[in-house]
N, C-alpha and C. Protein backbone atom coordinates (compact mmCIF):
# COMPACT_ATOMS: atom_id res chain seq x y z
N MET A 1 0.95 -0.59 -0.17
CA MET A 1 -0.17 0.23 0.16
C MET A 1 0.92 1.00 0.47
N ARG A 2 0.88 1.98 -0.83
CA ARG A 2 1.52 3.43 -1.17
C ARG A 2 1.07 3.92 0.01
N LEU A 3 1.51 4.70 0.83
CA LEU A 3 1.20 6.28 1.24
C LEU A 3 1.64 7.58 0.69
N GLY A 4 0.65 8.34 0.39
CA GLY A 4 1.25 9.46 -0.22
C GLY A 4 1.54 10.34 0.55
N TYR A 5 2.11 11.77 0.29
CA TYR A 5 2.85 12.79 0.69
C TYR A 5 1.43 13.70 1.44
N GLU A 6 -0.26 13.53 1.19
CA GLU A 6 -0.99 14.38 1.95
C GLU A 6 -1.31 13.67 3.39
N ASP A 7 -1.10 11.97 3.01
CA ASP A 7 -1.37 10.91 4.26
C ASP A 7 -0.20 11.60 5.39
N PHE A 8 0.88 11.45 4.56
CA PHE A 8 1.95 11.69 5.40
C PHE A 8 2.27 13.23 6.17
N LEU A 9 1.54 14.09 5.51
CA LEU A 9 1.28 15.53 6.64
C LEU A 9 0.47 14.96 7.48
N ARG A 10 -0.79 14.62 7.11
CA ARG A 10 -2.05 14.65 8.29
C ARG A 10 -0.90 13.85 9.60
N GLY A 11 -0.58 12.92 8.95
CA GLY A 11 0.13 12.33 10.25
C GLY A 11 1.02 13.24 11.10
N VAL A 12 1.90 14.01 10.70
CA VAL A 12 2.59 14.74 11.04
C VAL A 12 2.10 15.58 11.49
N GLU A 13 1.02 16.25 10.86
CA GLU A 13 -0.05 17.65 12.03
C GLU A 13 -0.70 16.74 13.78
N ARG A 14 -1.03 15.15 13.14
CA ARG A 14 -1.50 14.53 13.77
C ARG A 14 -0.27 14.96 15.37
N MET A 15 0.69 14.37 15.15
CA MET A 15 1.66 14.55 15.83
C MET A 15 2.08 15.41 16.67
N ARG A 16 1.82 17.08 15.46
CA ARG A 16 2.13 18.24 15.84
C ARG A 16 1.56 18.62 16.87
N THR A 17 -0.12 17.91 16.70
CA THR A 17 -1.60 18.55 18.04
C THR A 17 -1.15 17.78 18.96
N TYR A 18 -0.39 16.64 19.20
CA TYR A 18 -0.04 15.69 20.65
C TYR A 18 1.33 16.37 21.22
N GLY A 19 1.74 17.60 20.75
CA GLY A 19 3.27 17.79 21.11
C GLY A 19 4.54 17.28 20.99
N TYR A 20 4.26 16.63 20.05
CA TYR A 20 5.64 15.62 19.49
C TYR A 20 6.54 16.59 19.21
N PRO A 21 7.91 16.11 19.47
CA PRO A 21 8.74 17.52 19.05
C PRO A 21 9.29 16.90 17.80
N MET A 22 9.43 18.17 16.76
CA MET A 22 10.02 18.19 15.19
C MET A 22 11.19 18.48 15.02
N GLU A 23 12.05 17.95 15.18
CA GLU A 23 13.56 18.44 14.49
C GLU A 23 13.31 18.76 13.19
N ARG A 24 12.69 18.62 11.84
CA ARG A 24 12.38 18.77 10.93
C ARG A 24 11.28 19.15 9.93
N THR A 25 11.14 20.05 9.71
CA THR A 25 9.97 20.73 8.81
C THR A 25 9.22 18.78 8.01
N ALA A 26 8.03 19.15 7.57
CA ALA A 26 7.42 18.27 6.76
C ALA A 26 8.22 17.96 5.55
N GLU A 27 8.24 19.06 4.97
CA GLU A 27 9.07 18.63 3.57
C GLU A 27 10.71 18.03 3.75
N GLU A 28 11.08 18.53 4.86
CA GLU A 28 12.44 18.31 4.72
C GLU A 28 12.63 16.18 5.57
N ALA A 29 11.20 16.09 5.77
CA ALA A 29 11.17 15.02 6.63
C ALA A 29 10.97 13.81 5.36
N TRP A 30 9.90 14.26 4.28
CA TRP A 30 9.40 13.22 3.82
C TRP A 30 10.30 12.35 2.76
N PRO A 31 11.57 12.95 2.40
CA PRO A 31 12.42 11.95 1.38
C PRO A 31 12.88 10.83 2.52
N HIS A 32 13.26 10.47 3.87
CA HIS A 32 13.81 10.34 4.94
C HIS A 32 12.30 9.00 5.14
N PHE A 33 11.48 9.96 5.39
CA PHE A 33 10.47 9.11 5.70
C PHE A 33 10.08 8.10 4.32
N GLY A 34 10.18 8.44 3.17
CA GLY A 34 10.29 7.30 2.08
C GLY A 34 11.41 6.63 2.01
N GLY A 35 12.49 7.02 2.27
CA GLY A 35 13.60 5.77 2.25
C GLY A 35 13.49 4.94 3.41
N ARG A 36 12.56 5.12 4.93
CA ARG A 36 12.14 4.52 5.65
C ARG A 36 11.31 3.19 5.41
N ARG A 37 10.50 3.69 4.45
CA ARG A 37 9.38 2.96 4.01
C ARG A 37 9.54 1.78 3.01
N VAL A 38 11.23 1.90 2.41
CA VAL A 38 11.25 1.12 1.30
C VAL A 38 11.98 0.50 2.02
N ASN A 39 12.54 0.42 2.81
CA ASN A 39 13.67 -0.32 3.72
C ASN A 39 12.45 -1.31 4.68
N TYR A 40 11.93 -0.48 5.55
CA TYR A 40 11.07 -1.74 6.80
C TYR A 40 9.58 -1.40 6.16
N GLY A 41 8.77 -0.87 5.32
CA GLY A 41 7.77 -0.83 4.85
C GLY A 41 7.37 -2.32 4.94
N THR A 42 7.70 -3.65 4.12
CA THR A 42 7.44 -4.86 4.07
C THR A 42 7.35 -5.74 5.15
N LEU A 43 8.12 -5.19 5.91
CA LEU A 43 8.33 -5.87 7.15
C LEU A 43 7.45 -5.66 8.44
N ALA A 44 7.12 -4.13 7.89
CA ALA A 44 6.04 -3.65 9.53
C ALA A 44 4.65 -4.46 8.54
N HIS A 45 4.24 -4.37 7.41
CA HIS A 45 3.11 -5.25 7.30
C HIS A 45 3.06 -6.32 7.50
N HIS A 46 3.97 -6.95 7.33
CA HIS A 46 3.78 -8.94 7.71
C HIS A 46 3.47 -8.58 9.16
N LEU A 47 4.41 -7.90 10.22
CA LEU A 47 4.20 -7.64 11.58
C LEU A 47 2.75 -7.80 12.01
N ALA A 48 2.03 -6.74 11.04
CA ALA A 48 1.02 -5.82 11.07
C ALA A 48 -0.22 -7.07 10.60
N GLN A 49 -0.12 -7.89 10.10
CA GLN A 49 -0.69 -8.99 9.59
C GLN A 49 -0.31 -10.35 10.64
N ASP A 50 0.23 -10.55 11.09
CA ASP A 50 0.92 -11.51 12.00
C ASP A 50 -0.03 -11.15 13.14
N ILE A 51 0.10 -10.04 13.75
CA ILE A 51 -0.28 -9.78 14.92
C ILE A 51 -2.04 -9.05 14.69
N ASP A 52 -2.63 -9.24 13.39
CA ASP A 52 -3.79 -8.91 13.03
C ASP A 52 -4.21 -7.39 13.62
N ALA A 53 -2.88 -6.41 13.67
CA ALA A 53 -3.11 -5.04 14.20
C ALA A 53 -4.50 -4.44 13.68
N VAL A 54 -4.87 -3.00 13.86
CA VAL A 54 -6.22 -2.40 13.69
C VAL A 54 -5.89 -2.11 12.51
N PRO A 55 -6.30 -2.20 11.35
CA PRO A 55 -6.36 -1.64 10.00
C PRO A 55 -5.81 -0.27 10.23
N ALA A 56 -4.81 0.20 9.34
CA ALA A 56 -4.72 1.83 8.93
C ALA A 56 -3.44 2.08 7.89
N PRO A 57 -4.07 3.09 7.66
CA PRO A 57 -3.27 3.36 6.12
C PRO A 57 -2.08 3.23 5.68
N TRP A 58 -1.54 3.43 6.79
CA TRP A 58 -0.04 3.45 6.93
C TRP A 58 0.32 2.25 7.29
N SER A 59 -0.15 0.40 7.48
CA SER A 59 0.38 -0.85 7.70
C SER A 59 -0.13 -1.75 7.20
N GLY A 60 -0.67 -1.29 6.03
CA GLY A 60 -1.50 -2.40 5.23
C GLY A 60 -2.26 -3.44 5.01
N PRO A 61 -2.59 -4.21 4.53
CA PRO A 61 -4.11 -4.83 4.46
C PRO A 61 -4.18 -6.11 5.70
N ARG A 62 -5.10 -6.71 6.32
CA ARG A 62 -5.21 -7.12 7.19
C ARG A 62 -5.90 -8.77 6.93
N ARG A 63 -5.72 -9.88 7.60
CA ARG A 63 -7.02 -10.91 7.25
C ARG A 63 -8.23 -10.74 7.24
N THR A 64 -8.39 -9.98 7.76
CA THR A 64 -9.95 -9.56 8.10
C THR A 64 -10.38 -8.22 8.24
N THR A 65 -11.31 -8.05 7.80
CA THR A 65 -11.89 -6.38 7.46
C THR A 65 -12.94 -6.16 8.74
N LEU A 66 -13.18 -5.14 8.74
CA LEU A 66 -13.86 -4.89 9.91
C LEU A 66 -15.62 -5.21 9.92
N SER A 67 -15.65 -4.88 8.29
CA SER A 67 -17.03 -5.23 7.80
C SER A 67 -17.15 -6.89 8.21
N ALA A 68 -16.34 -7.98 8.28
CA ALA A 68 -16.33 -9.06 8.02
C ALA A 68 -16.40 -9.82 9.84
N TRP A 69 -16.07 -9.06 10.38
CA TRP A 69 -15.75 -9.23 11.72
C TRP A 69 -17.06 -8.56 12.25
N SER A 70 -18.00 -9.81 13.34
CA SER A 70 -19.18 -9.35 13.65
C SER A 70 -18.99 -9.70 15.07
N PRO A 71 -18.92 -8.84 16.11
CA PRO A 71 -18.66 -9.35 17.33
C PRO A 71 -19.91 -9.94 17.67
N LEU A 72 -19.46 -10.71 19.25
CA LEU A 72 -20.92 -11.88 19.74
C LEU A 72 -21.77 -10.96 20.78
N THR A 73 -23.32 -11.02 20.26
CA THR A 73 -23.81 -10.62 21.08
C THR A 73 -23.67 -10.99 22.45
N PRO A 74 -23.55 -10.30 23.68
CA PRO A 74 -23.74 -11.04 24.97
C PRO A 74 -25.57 -11.08 25.20
N VAL A 75 -25.40 -12.03 26.21
CA VAL A 75 -26.66 -12.74 26.71
C VAL A 75 -27.25 -11.67 27.55
N ASP A 76 -28.76 -11.33 27.29
CA ASP A 76 -29.30 -10.24 28.03
C ASP A 76 -29.66 -11.02 29.59
N ARG A 77 -28.85 -10.79 30.45
CA ARG A 77 -29.27 -11.30 32.04
C ARG A 77 -29.52 -10.63 32.99
N ARG A 78 -30.69 -8.82 32.44
CA ARG A 78 -31.43 -8.54 33.03
C ARG A 78 -32.07 -8.74 34.21
N PRO A 79 -32.67 -8.54 35.14
CA PRO A 79 -33.89 -9.24 36.04
C PRO A 79 -34.84 -8.87 35.39
N THR A 80 -35.53 -10.26 35.51
CA THR A 80 -36.78 -10.11 35.02
C THR A 80 -37.86 -9.74 35.94
N GLY A 81 -39.21 -9.20 36.26
CA GLY A 81 -40.15 -9.56 36.81
C GLY A 81 -40.22 -8.24 38.28
């Protein structure tokens, strides 16, 4: 799965919102991010699939999708009468 520059900028903005310290601007960091994705992206996708991580645009596909998963409905144990 390819993560585009706009997705990257949204991630940077989210980190900024939570006060993550930035050493570079998004424009300076983008080429480095792309290099890391090339080096580690496939491994990260395999790990995310193996642990069945929550689906996200930056972490690849999963064995199941949220639409295919349906939680069990708990038994209604409220008192009657």
